[in-house]
């Protein structure tokens, strides 16, 4: 199972500024404080950043459901962008839909600080030993 301390040490997580947080329900969520260097030319958060947070929050949900020594990698990611966001913070949360022997299907949501849905997506991951 993935631990918050592990996630905080992740080079990409540090580079982009993602932070794992534990909710009151014990689930790990992914937060990102928006900064100017993450915005596209029109002043909104770049879609690739939203995709990174979505992929990460789904991966966290999947990895929390695995046994020690197991991992999973993204095979496919589908995103629907629903509204732009240009300031504040976004938060992503994922959940597992179906966990098979080799393939796991999951979903995730990205919300802004006011709780408005920014993006929604699904992903397919492949289990692997690590």
C-alpha atoms as a PDB file:
ATOM      1  CA  UNK A   1       0.000   0.000   0.000  1.00  0.00           C
ATOM      2  CA  UNK A   2       1.266   3.455  -0.897  1.00  0.00           C
ATOM      3  CA  UNK A   3       2.204   5.732   1.997  1.00  0.00           C
ATOM      4  CA  UNK A   4       1.991   9.529   2.130  1.00  0.00           C
ATOM      5  CA  UNK A   5       5.713   9.801   2.939  1.00  0.00           C
ATOM      6  CA  UNK A   6       6.535   7.850  -0.251  1.00  0.00           C
ATOM      7  CA  UNK A   7       4.368  10.124  -2.380  1.00  0.00           C
ATOM      8  CA  UNK A   8       5.940  13.284  -0.926  1.00  0.00           C
ATOM      9  CA  UNK A   9       9.384  12.004  -2.001  1.00  0.00           C
ATOM     10  CA  UNK A  10       8.301  11.390  -5.595  1.00  0.00           C
ATOM     11  CA  UNK A  11      10.378  13.567  -7.957  1.00  0.00           C
ATOM     12  CA  UNK A  12       7.485  14.346 -10.308  1.00  0.00           C
ATOM     13  CA  UNK A  13       5.128  15.096  -7.433  1.00  0.00           C
ATOM     14  CA  UNK A  14       7.672  17.580  -6.047  1.00  0.00           C
ATOM     15  CA  UNK A  15       8.357  19.084  -9.486  1.00  0.00           C
ATOM     16  CA  UNK A  16       4.716  19.837 -10.257  1.00  0.00           C
ATOM     17  CA  UNK A  17       3.789  20.647  -6.636  1.00  0.00           C
ATOM     18  CA  UNK A  18       1.288  17.870  -5.905  1.00  0.00           C
ATOM     19  CA  UNK A  19       0.663  17.014  -2.266  1.00  0.00           C
ATOM     20  CA  UNK A  20      -0.997  13.934  -0.803  1.00  0.00           C
ATOM     21  CA  UNK A  21      -3.484  14.657   1.980  1.00  0.00           C
ATOM     22  CA  UNK A  22      -5.561  12.307   4.097  1.00  0.00           C
ATOM     23  CA  UNK A  23      -9.261  13.100   4.257  1.00  0.00           C
ATOM     24  CA  UNK A  24     -11.469  12.599   7.293  1.00  0.00           C
ATOM     25  CA  UNK A  25     -12.560   9.293   5.759  1.00  0.00           C
ATOM     26  CA  UNK A  26      -8.933   8.066   5.700  1.00  0.00           C
ATOM     27  CA  UNK A  27      -8.657   8.223   1.902  1.00  0.00           C
ATOM     28  CA  UNK A  28      -5.589   9.854   0.396  1.00  0.00           C
ATOM     29  CA  UNK A  29      -6.378  12.731  -1.944  1.00  0.00           C
ATOM     30  CA  UNK A  30      -4.097  14.736  -4.214  1.00  0.00           C
ATOM     31  CA  UNK A  31      -3.966  18.526  -3.876  1.00  0.00           C
ATOM     32  CA  UNK A  32      -2.252  21.084  -6.044  1.00  0.00           C
ATOM     33  CA  UNK A  33      -1.844  24.794  -5.340  1.00  0.00           C
ATOM     34  CA  UNK A  34      -1.974  26.607  -8.674  1.00  0.00           C
ATOM     35  CA  UNK A  35       1.037  28.706  -9.599  1.00  0.00           C
ATOM     36  CA  UNK A  36       1.775  30.919 -12.573  1.00  0.00           C
ATOM     37  CA  UNK A  37       4.169  28.403 -14.128  1.00  0.00           C
ATOM     38  CA  UNK A  38       1.304  25.853 -14.425  1.00  0.00           C
ATOM     39  CA  UNK A  39      -0.993  28.146 -16.415  1.00  0.00           C
ATOM     40  CA  UNK A  40      -1.423  28.118 -20.181  1.00  0.00           C
ATOM     41  CA  UNK A  41      -1.269  31.245 -22.339  1.00  0.00           C
ATOM     42  CA  UNK A  42      -4.926  32.174 -21.615  1.00  0.00           C
ATOM     43  CA  UNK A  43      -4.356  32.153 -17.849  1.00  0.00           C
ATOM     44  CA  UNK A  44      -6.036  28.841 -17.022  1.00  0.00           C
ATOM     45  CA  UNK A  45      -4.477  25.751 -15.515  1.00  0.00           C
ATOM     46  CA  UNK A  46      -2.930  23.683 -18.315  1.00  0.00           C
ATOM     47  CA  UNK A  47      -4.900  20.552 -19.242  1.00  0.00           C
ATOM     48  CA  UNK A  48      -1.766  18.440 -18.920  1.00  0.00           C
ATOM     49  CA  UNK A  49      -1.460  19.448 -15.269  1.00  0.00           C
ATOM     50  CA  UNK A  50      -5.079  18.463 -14.653  1.00  0.00           C
ATOM     51  CA  UNK A  51      -4.353  15.128 -16.383  1.00  0.00           C
ATOM     52  CA  UNK A  52      -1.351  14.594 -14.094  1.00  0.00           C
ATOM     53  CA  UNK A  53      -3.405  15.193 -10.966  1.00  0.00           C
ATOM     54  CA  UNK A  54      -6.192  12.933 -12.252  1.00  0.00           C
ATOM     55  CA  UNK A  55      -3.767  10.121 -13.120  1.00  0.00           C
ATOM     56  CA  UNK A  56      -2.104  10.506  -9.724  1.00  0.00           C
ATOM     57  CA  UNK A  57      -5.285  10.469  -7.650  1.00  0.00           C
ATOM     58  CA  UNK A  58      -6.536   7.390  -9.509  1.00  0.00           C
ATOM     59  CA  UNK A  59      -3.153   5.684  -9.027  1.00  0.00           C
ATOM     60  CA  UNK A  60      -3.251   6.453  -5.301  1.00  0.00           C
ATOM     61  CA  UNK A  61      -6.721   4.907  -4.978  1.00  0.00           C
ATOM     62  CA  UNK A  62      -5.604   1.801  -6.844  1.00  0.00           C
ATOM     63  CA  UNK A  63      -2.380   1.411  -4.895  1.00  0.00           C
ATOM     64  CA  UNK A  64      -4.247   1.703  -1.592  1.00  0.00           C
ATOM     65  CA  UNK A  65      -6.217  -1.386  -2.653  1.00  0.00           C
ATOM     66  CA  UNK A  66      -3.185  -3.545  -3.515  1.00  0.00           C
ATOM     67  CA  UNK A  67      -1.180  -5.988  -1.442  1.00  0.00           C
ATOM     68  CA  UNK A  68       2.371  -5.197  -0.276  1.00  0.00           C
ATOM     69  CA  UNK A  69       4.826  -5.707  -3.132  1.00  0.00           C
ATOM     70  CA  UNK A  70       2.202  -5.011  -5.779  1.00  0.00           C
ATOM     71  CA  UNK A  71       2.008  -1.943  -7.962  1.00  0.00           C
ATOM     72  CA  UNK A  72       0.094  -0.781 -10.990  1.00  0.00           C
ATOM     73  CA  UNK A  73       0.860   1.357 -14.026  1.00  0.00           C
ATOM     74  CA  UNK A  74      -1.409   3.403 -16.272  1.00  0.00           C
ATOM     75  CA  UNK A  75      -2.462   1.761 -19.534  1.00  0.00           C
ATOM     76  CA  UNK A  76      -5.138   4.258 -20.561  1.00  0.00           C
ATOM     77  CA  UNK A  77      -6.515   7.566 -19.261  1.00  0.00           C
ATOM     78  CA  UNK A  78      -9.730   9.267 -20.450  1.00  0.00           C
ATOM     79  CA  UNK A  79     -10.510  12.820 -19.299  1.00  0.00           C
ATOM     80  CA  UNK A  80     -13.491  15.114 -19.630  1.00  0.00           C
ATOM     81  CA  UNK A  81     -12.562  18.726 -18.890  1.00  0.00           C
ATOM     82  CA  UNK A  82     -15.636  20.461 -17.484  1.00  0.00           C
ATOM     83  CA  UNK A  83     -14.570  23.964 -16.458  1.00  0.00           C
ATOM     84  CA  UNK A  84     -11.436  26.094 -16.406  1.00  0.00           C
ATOM     85  CA  UNK A  85      -9.650  26.996 -13.208  1.00  0.00           C
ATOM     86  CA  UNK A  86      -7.061  29.742 -12.894  1.00  0.00           C
ATOM     87  CA  UNK A  87      -6.338  30.282  -9.198  1.00  0.00           C
ATOM     88  CA  UNK A  88      -6.475  28.641  -5.831  1.00  0.00           C
ATOM     89  CA  UNK A  89      -6.180  24.922  -5.330  1.00  0.00           C
ATOM     90  CA  UNK A  90      -7.509  21.774  -6.966  1.00  0.00           C
ATOM     91  CA  UNK A  91      -8.099  18.442  -5.262  1.00  0.00           C
ATOM     92  CA  UNK A  92      -8.359  15.021  -6.870  1.00  0.00           C
ATOM     93  CA  UNK A  93      -9.843  11.831  -5.514  1.00  0.00           C
ATOM     94  CA  UNK A  94      -9.951   8.434  -7.163  1.00  0.00           C
ATOM     95  CA  UNK A  95     -11.846   5.210  -6.604  1.00  0.00           C
ATOM     96  CA  UNK A  96     -11.594   1.681  -7.936  1.00  0.00           C
ATOM     97  CA  UNK A  97     -14.423   0.466 -10.162  1.00  0.00           C
ATOM     98  CA  UNK A  98     -13.209  -3.097 -10.912  1.00  0.00           C
ATOM     99  CA  UNK A  99     -10.071  -4.873  -9.783  1.00  0.00           C
ATOM    100  CA  UNK A 100      -9.168  -7.918 -11.850  1.00  0.00           C
ATOM    101  CA  UNK A 101      -6.160 -10.232 -11.710  1.00  0.00           C
ATOM    102  CA  UNK A 102      -4.173  -8.150 -14.208  1.00  0.00           C
ATOM    103  CA  UNK A 103      -6.266  -5.084 -15.068  1.00  0.00           C
ATOM    104  CA  UNK A 104      -7.854  -2.485 -12.781  1.00  0.00           C
ATOM    105  CA  UNK A 105     -10.417   0.084 -13.906  1.00  0.00           C
ATOM    106  CA  UNK A 106     -10.854   3.208 -11.784  1.00  0.00           C
ATOM    107  CA  UNK A 107     -12.256   6.727 -11.891  1.00  0.00           C
ATOM    108  CA  UNK A 108     -11.361  10.115 -10.514  1.00  0.00           C
ATOM    109  CA  UNK A 109     -12.632  13.638 -10.015  1.00  0.00           C
ATOM    110  CA  UNK A 110     -10.824  16.949  -9.851  1.00  0.00           C
ATOM    111  CA  UNK A 111     -12.562  19.770  -7.969  1.00  0.00           C
ATOM    112  CA  UNK A 112     -11.659  23.387  -7.327  1.00  0.00           C
ATOM    113  CA  UNK A 113     -11.620  25.048  -3.897  1.00  0.00           C
ATOM    114  CA  UNK A 114     -15.366  25.740  -4.018  1.00  0.00           C
ATOM    115  CA  UNK A 115     -16.127  22.079  -4.733  1.00  0.00           C
ATOM    116  CA  UNK A 116     -16.978  22.654  -8.401  1.00  0.00           C
ATOM    117  CA  UNK A 117     -16.123  19.734 -10.668  1.00  0.00           C
ATOM    118  CA  UNK A 118     -13.227  20.719 -12.979  1.00  0.00           C
ATOM    119  CA  UNK A 119     -12.565  17.357 -14.636  1.00  0.00           C
ATOM    120  CA  UNK A 120     -13.702  13.754 -14.488  1.00  0.00           C
ATOM    121  CA  UNK A 121     -12.022  10.693 -15.906  1.00  0.00           C
ATOM    122  CA  UNK A 122     -11.519   6.976 -15.998  1.00  0.00           C
ATOM    123  CA  UNK A 123      -8.355   4.946 -16.259  1.00  0.00           C
ATOM    124  CA  UNK A 124      -7.195   1.422 -16.890  1.00  0.00           C
ATOM    125  CA  UNK A 125      -4.143   0.229 -14.965  1.00  0.00           C
ATOM    126  CA  UNK A 126      -2.116  -2.984 -15.206  1.00  0.00           C
ATOM    127  CA  UNK A 127      -1.021  -4.732 -12.028  1.00  0.00           C
ATOM    128  CA  UNK A 128       2.651  -5.539 -11.696  1.00  0.00           C
ATOM    129  CA  UNK A 129       4.960  -6.699  -8.957  1.00  0.00           C
ATOM    130  CA  UNK A 130       7.417  -4.075  -7.701  1.00  0.00           C
END
